[in-house]
Amino acid sequence: MKPNGLTVGLRVVHPTRVEDAVWQAVQEAVIAGWDVSRFRRECAEAWNHELEEERRLAKHEWEAK
């Protein structure tokens, strides 16, 4: 999990679920022996997949009669 941070005013900032998930994914990738390039490719593929799903659903709603 991502460690807590501090603001300029010394207020503790807690990570979000998404930040924790990213840090967990990186930790698991390192344990599995992945390099940065492989992790980056996998992230890009997952990101593109999500955007394509959103586009597909939006198109379906737009064309619904």
PDB file of N, CA and C in Angstrom:
ATOM      1  N   MET A   1       0.832  -1.183   0.000  1.00  0.00           N
ATOM      2  CA  MET A   1       0.000   0.000   0.000  1.00  0.00           C
ATOM      3  C   MET A   1       0.879   1.249   0.000  1.00  0.00           C
ATOM      4  N   LYS A   2       0.313   2.294  -0.547  1.00  0.00           N
ATOM      5  CA  LYS A   2       1.041   3.551  -0.620  1.00  0.00           C
ATOM      6  C   LYS A   2       1.148   4.154   0.780  1.00  0.00           C
ATOM      7  N   PRO A   3       2.338   4.628   1.147  1.00  0.00           N
ATOM      8  CA  PRO A   3       2.475   5.256   2.462  1.00  0.00           C
ATOM      9  C   PRO A   3       1.741   6.590   2.524  1.00  0.00           C
ATOM     10  N   ASN A   4       1.360   6.967   3.728  1.00  0.00           N
ATOM     11  CA  ASN A   4       0.730   8.271   3.925  1.00  0.00           C
ATOM     12  C   ASN A   4       1.719   9.365   3.567  1.00  0.00           C
ATOM     13  N   GLY A   5       1.191  10.525   3.186  1.00  0.00           N
ATOM     14  CA  GLY A   5       2.026  11.670   2.863  1.00  0.00           C
ATOM     15  C   GLY A   5       1.718  12.830   3.788  1.00  0.00           C
ATOM     16  N   LEU A   6       2.420  13.925   3.594  1.00  0.00           N
ATOM     17  CA  LEU A   6       2.195  15.133   4.378  1.00  0.00           C
ATOM     18  C   LEU A   6       2.020  16.316   3.437  1.00  0.00           C
ATOM     19  N   THR A   7       1.106  17.212   3.781  1.00  0.00           N
ATOM     20  CA  THR A   7       0.947  18.444   3.021  1.00  0.00           C
ATOM     21  C   THR A   7       1.935  19.474   3.559  1.00  0.00           C
ATOM     22  N   VAL A   8       2.003  20.618   2.913  1.00  0.00           N
ATOM     23  CA  VAL A   8       2.887  21.691   3.358  1.00  0.00           C
ATOM     24  C   VAL A   8       2.534  22.109   4.785  1.00  0.00           C
ATOM     25  N   GLY A   9       1.247  22.071   5.108  1.00  0.00           N
ATOM     26  CA  GLY A   9       0.800  22.423   6.455  1.00  0.00           C
ATOM     27  C   GLY A   9       0.931  21.277   7.444  1.00  0.00           C
ATOM     28  N   LEU A  10       1.659  20.235   7.069  1.00  0.00           N
ATOM     29  CA  LEU A  10       1.900  19.058   7.906  1.00  0.00           C
ATOM     30  C   LEU A  10       0.631  18.291   8.249  1.00  0.00           C
ATOM     31  N   ARG A  11      -0.302  18.290   7.332  1.00  0.00           N
ATOM     32  CA  ARG A  11      -1.505  17.478   7.491  1.00  0.00           C
ATOM     33  C   ARG A  11      -1.258  16.130   6.825  1.00  0.00           C
ATOM     34  N   VAL A  12      -1.668  15.048   7.470  1.00  0.00           N
ATOM     35  CA  VAL A  12      -1.472  13.713   6.913  1.00  0.00           C
ATOM     36  C   VAL A  12      -2.441  13.492   5.762  1.00  0.00           C
ATOM     37  N   VAL A  13      -1.916  12.985   4.643  1.00  0.00           N
ATOM     38  CA  VAL A  13      -2.725  12.691   3.467  1.00  0.00           C
ATOM     39  C   VAL A  13      -2.752  11.176   3.300  1.00  0.00           C
ATOM     40  N   HIS A  14      -3.953  10.608   3.283  1.00  0.00           N
ATOM     41  CA  HIS A  14      -4.116   9.170   3.137  1.00  0.00           C
ATOM     42  C   HIS A  14      -4.345   8.813   1.668  1.00  0.00           C
ATOM     43  N   PRO A  15      -3.734   7.732   1.202  1.00  0.00           N
ATOM     44  CA  PRO A  15      -3.921   7.323  -0.196  1.00  0.00           C
ATOM     45  C   PRO A  15      -5.345   6.846  -0.465  1.00  0.00           C
ATOM     46  N   THR A  16      -5.751   6.972  -1.707  1.00  0.00           N
ATOM     47  CA  THR A  16      -7.067   6.492  -2.136  1.00  0.00           C
ATOM     48  C   THR A  16      -6.987   5.002  -2.441  1.00  0.00           C
ATOM     49  N   ARG A  17      -8.138   4.379  -2.636  1.00  0.00           N
ATOM     50  CA  ARG A  17      -8.184   2.963  -3.026  1.00  0.00           C
ATOM     51  C   ARG A  17      -7.427   2.725  -4.320  1.00  0.00           C
ATOM     52  N   VAL A  18      -7.566   3.660  -5.254  1.00  0.00           N
ATOM     53  CA  VAL A  18      -6.899   3.516  -6.553  1.00  0.00           C
ATOM     54  C   VAL A  18      -5.388   3.587  -6.380  1.00  0.00           C
ATOM     55  N   GLU A  19      -4.919   4.547  -5.608  1.00  0.00           N
ATOM     56  CA  GLU A  19      -3.473   4.650  -5.370  1.00  0.00           C
ATOM     57  C   GLU A  19      -2.937   3.375  -4.717  1.00  0.00           C
ATOM     58  N   ASP A  20      -3.652   2.879  -3.715  1.00  0.00           N
ATOM     59  CA  ASP A  20      -3.238   1.637  -3.069  1.00  0.00           C
ATOM     60  C   ASP A  20      -3.203   0.474  -4.055  1.00  0.00           C
ATOM     61  N   ALA A  21      -4.200   0.403  -4.949  1.00  0.00           N
ATOM     62  CA  ALA A  21      -4.254  -0.681  -5.930  1.00  0.00           C
ATOM     63  C   ALA A  21      -3.070  -0.598  -6.895  1.00  0.00           C
ATOM     64  N   VAL A  22      -2.704   0.602  -7.303  1.00  0.00           N
ATOM     65  CA  VAL A  22      -1.557   0.777  -8.202  1.00  0.00           C
ATOM     66  C   VAL A  22      -0.275   0.328  -7.497  1.00  0.00           C
ATOM     67  N   TRP A  23      -0.099   0.753  -6.273  1.00  0.00           N
ATOM     68  CA  TRP A  23       1.106   0.367  -5.530  1.00  0.00           C
ATOM     69  C   TRP A  23       1.153  -1.144  -5.324  1.00  0.00           C
ATOM     70  N   GLN A  24       0.005  -1.746  -5.056  1.00  0.00           N
ATOM     71  CA  GLN A  24      -0.065  -3.201  -4.882  1.00  0.00           C
ATOM     72  C   GLN A  24       0.286  -3.906  -6.197  1.00  0.00           C
ATOM     73  N   ALA A  25      -0.227  -3.382  -7.309  1.00  0.00           N
ATOM     74  CA  ALA A  25       0.072  -3.982  -8.619  1.00  0.00           C
ATOM     75  C   ALA A  25       1.565  -3.909  -8.930  1.00  0.00           C
ATOM     76  N   VAL A  26       2.185  -2.790  -8.605  1.00  0.00           N
ATOM     77  CA  VAL A  26       3.620  -2.651  -8.835  1.00  0.00           C
ATOM     78  C   VAL A  26       4.383  -3.650  -7.973  1.00  0.00           C
ATOM     79  N   GLN A  27       3.995  -3.763  -6.719  1.00  0.00           N
ATOM     80  CA  GLN A  27       4.663  -4.714  -5.829  1.00  0.00           C
ATOM     81  C   GLN A  27       4.555  -6.140  -6.365  1.00  0.00           C
ATOM     82  N   GLU A  28       3.379  -6.526  -6.824  1.00  0.00           N
ATOM     83  CA  GLU A  28       3.184  -7.871  -7.360  1.00  0.00           C
ATOM     84  C   GLU A  28       3.974  -8.079  -8.653  1.00  0.00           C
ATOM     85  N   ALA A  29       4.041  -7.043  -9.488  1.00  0.00           N
ATOM     86  CA  ALA A  29       4.811  -7.150 -10.731  1.00  0.00           C
ATOM     87  C   ALA A  29       6.297  -7.333 -10.437  1.00  0.00           C
ATOM     88  N   VAL A  30       6.808  -6.598  -9.466  1.00  0.00           N
ATOM     89  CA  VAL A  30       8.217  -6.731  -9.097  1.00  0.00           C
ATOM     90  C   VAL A  30       8.490  -8.135  -8.568  1.00  0.00           C
ATOM     91  N   ILE A  31       7.615  -8.633  -7.710  1.00  0.00           N
ATOM     92  CA  ILE A  31       7.766  -9.983  -7.168  1.00  0.00           C
ATOM     93  C   ILE A  31       7.753 -11.014  -8.294  1.00  0.00           C
ATOM     94  N   ALA A  32       6.924 -10.780  -9.318  1.00  0.00           N
ATOM     95  CA  ALA A  32       6.815 -11.710 -10.450  1.00  0.00           C
ATOM     96  C   ALA A  32       7.973 -11.576 -11.439  1.00  0.00           C
ATOM     97  N   GLY A  33       8.849 -10.602 -11.216  1.00  0.00           N
ATOM     98  CA  GLY A  33      10.009 -10.447 -12.082  1.00  0.00           C
ATOM     99  C   GLY A  33       9.786  -9.588 -13.312  1.00  0.00           C
ATOM    100  N   TRP A  34       8.686  -8.845 -13.344  1.00  0.00           N
ATOM    101  CA  TRP A  34       8.422  -7.975 -14.488  1.00  0.00           C
ATOM    102  C   TRP A  34       9.385  -6.791 -14.463  1.00  0.00           C
ATOM    103  N   ASP A  35       9.693  -6.272 -15.664  1.00  0.00           N
ATOM    104  CA  ASP A  35      10.434  -5.022 -15.748  1.00  0.00           C
ATOM    105  C   ASP A  35       9.447  -3.885 -16.037  1.00  0.00           C
ATOM    106  N   VAL A  36       9.970  -2.671 -16.013  1.00  0.00           N
ATOM    107  CA  VAL A  36       9.108  -1.498 -16.196  1.00  0.00           C
ATOM    108  C   VAL A  36       8.410  -1.518 -17.550  1.00  0.00           C
ATOM    109  N   SER A  37       9.119  -1.951 -18.587  1.00  0.00           N
ATOM    110  CA  SER A  37       8.519  -1.975 -19.923  1.00  0.00           C
ATOM    111  C   SER A  37       7.318  -2.902 -19.986  1.00  0.00           C
ATOM    112  N   ARG A  38       7.447  -4.064 -19.393  1.00  0.00           N
ATOM    113  CA  ARG A  38       6.321  -5.002 -19.404  1.00  0.00           C
ATOM    114  C   ARG A  38       5.145  -4.446 -18.607  1.00  0.00           C
ATOM    115  N   PHE A  39       5.421  -3.852 -17.455  1.00  0.00           N
ATOM    116  CA  PHE A  39       4.357  -3.273 -16.639  1.00  0.00           C
ATOM    117  C   PHE A  39       3.662  -2.137 -17.393  1.00  0.00           C
ATOM    118  N   ARG A  40       4.455  -1.310 -18.049  1.00  0.00           N
ATOM    119  CA  ARG A  40       3.903  -0.182 -18.807  1.00  0.00           C
ATOM    120  C   ARG A  40       2.999  -0.673 -19.941  1.00  0.00           C
ATOM    121  N   ARG A  41       3.449  -1.719 -20.659  1.00  0.00           N
ATOM    122  CA  ARG A  41       2.635  -2.275 -21.752  1.00  0.00           C
ATOM    123  C   ARG A  41       1.313  -2.826 -21.217  1.00  0.00           C
ATOM    124  N   GLU A  42       1.371  -3.536 -20.104  1.00  0.00           N
ATOM    125  CA  GLU A  42       0.157  -4.113 -19.532  1.00  0.00           C
ATOM    126  C   GLU A  42      -0.808  -3.020 -19.079  1.00  0.00           C
ATOM    127  N   CYS A  43      -0.274  -1.975 -18.464  1.00  0.00           N
ATOM    128  CA  CYS A  43      -1.116  -0.842 -18.047  1.00  0.00           C
ATOM    129  C   CYS A  43      -1.763  -0.170 -19.248  1.00  0.00           C
ATOM    130  N   ALA A  44      -0.990   0.034 -20.304  1.00  0.00           N
ATOM    131  CA  ALA A  44      -1.529   0.677 -21.506  1.00  0.00           C
ATOM    132  C   ALA A  44      -2.626  -0.175 -22.124  1.00  0.00           C
ATOM    133  N   GLU A  45      -2.410  -1.489 -22.165  1.00  0.00           N
ATOM    134  CA  GLU A  45      -3.430  -2.374 -22.726  1.00  0.00           C
ATOM    135  C   GLU A  45      -4.707  -2.342 -21.893  1.00  0.00           C
ATOM    136  N   ALA A  46      -4.566  -2.375 -20.581  1.00  0.00           N
ATOM    137  CA  ALA A  46      -5.735  -2.327 -19.692  1.00  0.00           C
ATOM    138  C   ALA A  46      -6.466  -0.990 -19.830  1.00  0.00           C
ATOM    139  N   TRP A  47      -5.710   0.099 -19.908  1.00  0.00           N
ATOM    140  CA  TRP A  47      -6.307   1.432 -20.043  1.00  0.00           C
ATOM    141  C   TRP A  47      -7.080   1.534 -21.358  1.00  0.00           C
ATOM    142  N   ASN A  48      -6.460   1.078 -22.441  1.00  0.00           N
ATOM    143  CA  ASN A  48      -7.124   1.108 -23.749  1.00  0.00           C
ATOM    144  C   ASN A  48      -8.379   0.247 -23.756  1.00  0.00           C
ATOM    145  N   HIS A  49      -8.315  -0.898 -23.107  1.00  0.00           N
ATOM    146  CA  HIS A  49      -9.484  -1.780 -23.028  1.00  0.00           C
ATOM    147  C   HIS A  49     -10.650  -1.067 -22.324  1.00  0.00           C
ATOM    148  N   GLU A  50     -10.357  -0.431 -21.194  1.00  0.00           N
ATOM    149  CA  GLU A  50     -11.411   0.278 -20.460  1.00  0.00           C
ATOM    150  C   GLU A  50     -12.020   1.395 -21.301  1.00  0.00           C
ATOM    151  N   LEU A  51     -11.182   2.162 -21.981  1.00  0.00           N
ATOM    152  CA  LEU A  51     -11.695   3.251 -22.814  1.00  0.00           C
ATOM    153  C   LEU A  51     -12.533   2.713 -23.968  1.00  0.00           C
ATOM    154  N   GLU A  52     -12.107   1.597 -24.544  1.00  0.00           N
ATOM    155  CA  GLU A  52     -12.861   0.988 -25.643  1.00  0.00           C
ATOM    156  C   GLU A  52     -14.220   0.490 -25.141  1.00  0.00           C
ATOM    157  N   GLU A  53     -14.249  -0.089 -23.948  1.00  0.00           N
ATOM    158  CA  GLU A  53     -15.523  -0.535 -23.368  1.00  0.00           C
ATOM    159  C   GLU A  53     -16.460   0.650 -23.143  1.00  0.00           C
ATOM    160  N   GLU A  54     -15.921   1.739 -22.614  1.00  0.00           N
ATOM    161  CA  GLU A  54     -16.741   2.941 -22.413  1.00  0.00           C
ATOM    162  C   GLU A  54     -17.287   3.447 -23.745  1.00  0.00           C
ATOM    163  N   ARG A  55     -16.423   3.462 -24.772  1.00  0.00           N
ATOM    164  CA  ARG A  55     -16.842   3.933 -26.093  1.00  0.00           C
ATOM    165  C   ARG A  55     -17.937   3.038 -26.652  1.00  0.00           C
ATOM    166  N   ARG A  56     -17.765   1.734 -26.504  1.00  0.00           N
ATOM    167  CA  ARG A  56     -18.744   0.779 -27.013  1.00  0.00           C
ATOM    168  C   ARG A  56     -20.096   0.966 -26.319  1.00  0.00           C
ATOM    169  N   LEU A  57     -20.076   1.127 -25.009  1.00  0.00           N
ATOM    170  CA  LEU A  57     -21.329   1.327 -24.277  1.00  0.00           C
ATOM    171  C   LEU A  57     -21.996   2.651 -24.645  1.00  0.00           C
ATOM    172  N   ALA A  58     -21.198   3.695 -24.802  1.00  0.00           N
ATOM    173  CA  ALA A  58     -21.751   4.992 -25.183  1.00  0.00           C
ATOM    174  C   ALA A  58     -22.374   4.923 -26.576  1.00  0.00           C
ATOM    175  N   LYS A  59     -21.704   4.231 -27.493  1.00  0.00           N
ATOM    176  CA  LYS A  59     -22.235   4.085 -28.842  1.00  0.00           C
ATOM    177  C   LYS A  59     -23.553   3.323 -28.812  1.00  0.00           C
ATOM    178  N   HIS A  60     -23.602   2.273 -28.010  1.00  0.00           N
ATOM    179  CA  HIS A  60     -24.824   1.475 -27.894  1.00  0.00           C
ATOM    180  C   HIS A  60     -25.979   2.344 -27.365  1.00  0.00           C
ATOM    181  N   GLU A  61     -25.711   3.147 -26.342  1.00  0.00           N
ATOM    182  CA  GLU A  61     -26.744   4.033 -25.800  1.00  0.00           C
ATOM    183  C   GLU A  61     -27.168   5.083 -26.834  1.00  0.00           C
ATOM    184  N   TRP A  62     -26.221   5.608 -27.572  1.00  0.00           N
ATOM    185  CA  TRP A  62     -26.514   6.636 -28.556  1.00  0.00           C
ATOM    186  C   TRP A  62     -27.407   6.076 -29.663  1.00  0.00           C
ATOM    187  N   GLU A  63     -27.141   4.840 -30.064  1.00  0.00           N
ATOM    188  CA  GLU A  63     -27.869   4.248 -31.179  1.00  0.00           C
ATOM    189  C   GLU A  63     -29.166   3.552 -30.747  1.00  0.00           C
ATOM    190  N   ALA A  64     -29.402   3.444 -29.444  1.00  0.00           N
ATOM    191  CA  ALA A  64     -30.623   2.791 -28.950  1.00  0.00           C
ATOM    192  C   ALA A  64     -31.843   3.618 -29.358  1.00  0.00           C
ATOM    193  N   LYS A  65     -32.889   2.914 -29.740  1.00  0.00           N
ATOM    194  CA  LYS A  65     -34.100   3.615 -30.195  1.00  0.00           C
ATOM    195  C   LYS A  65     -35.224   3.429 -29.233  1.00  0.00           C
TER     196      LYS A  65
END
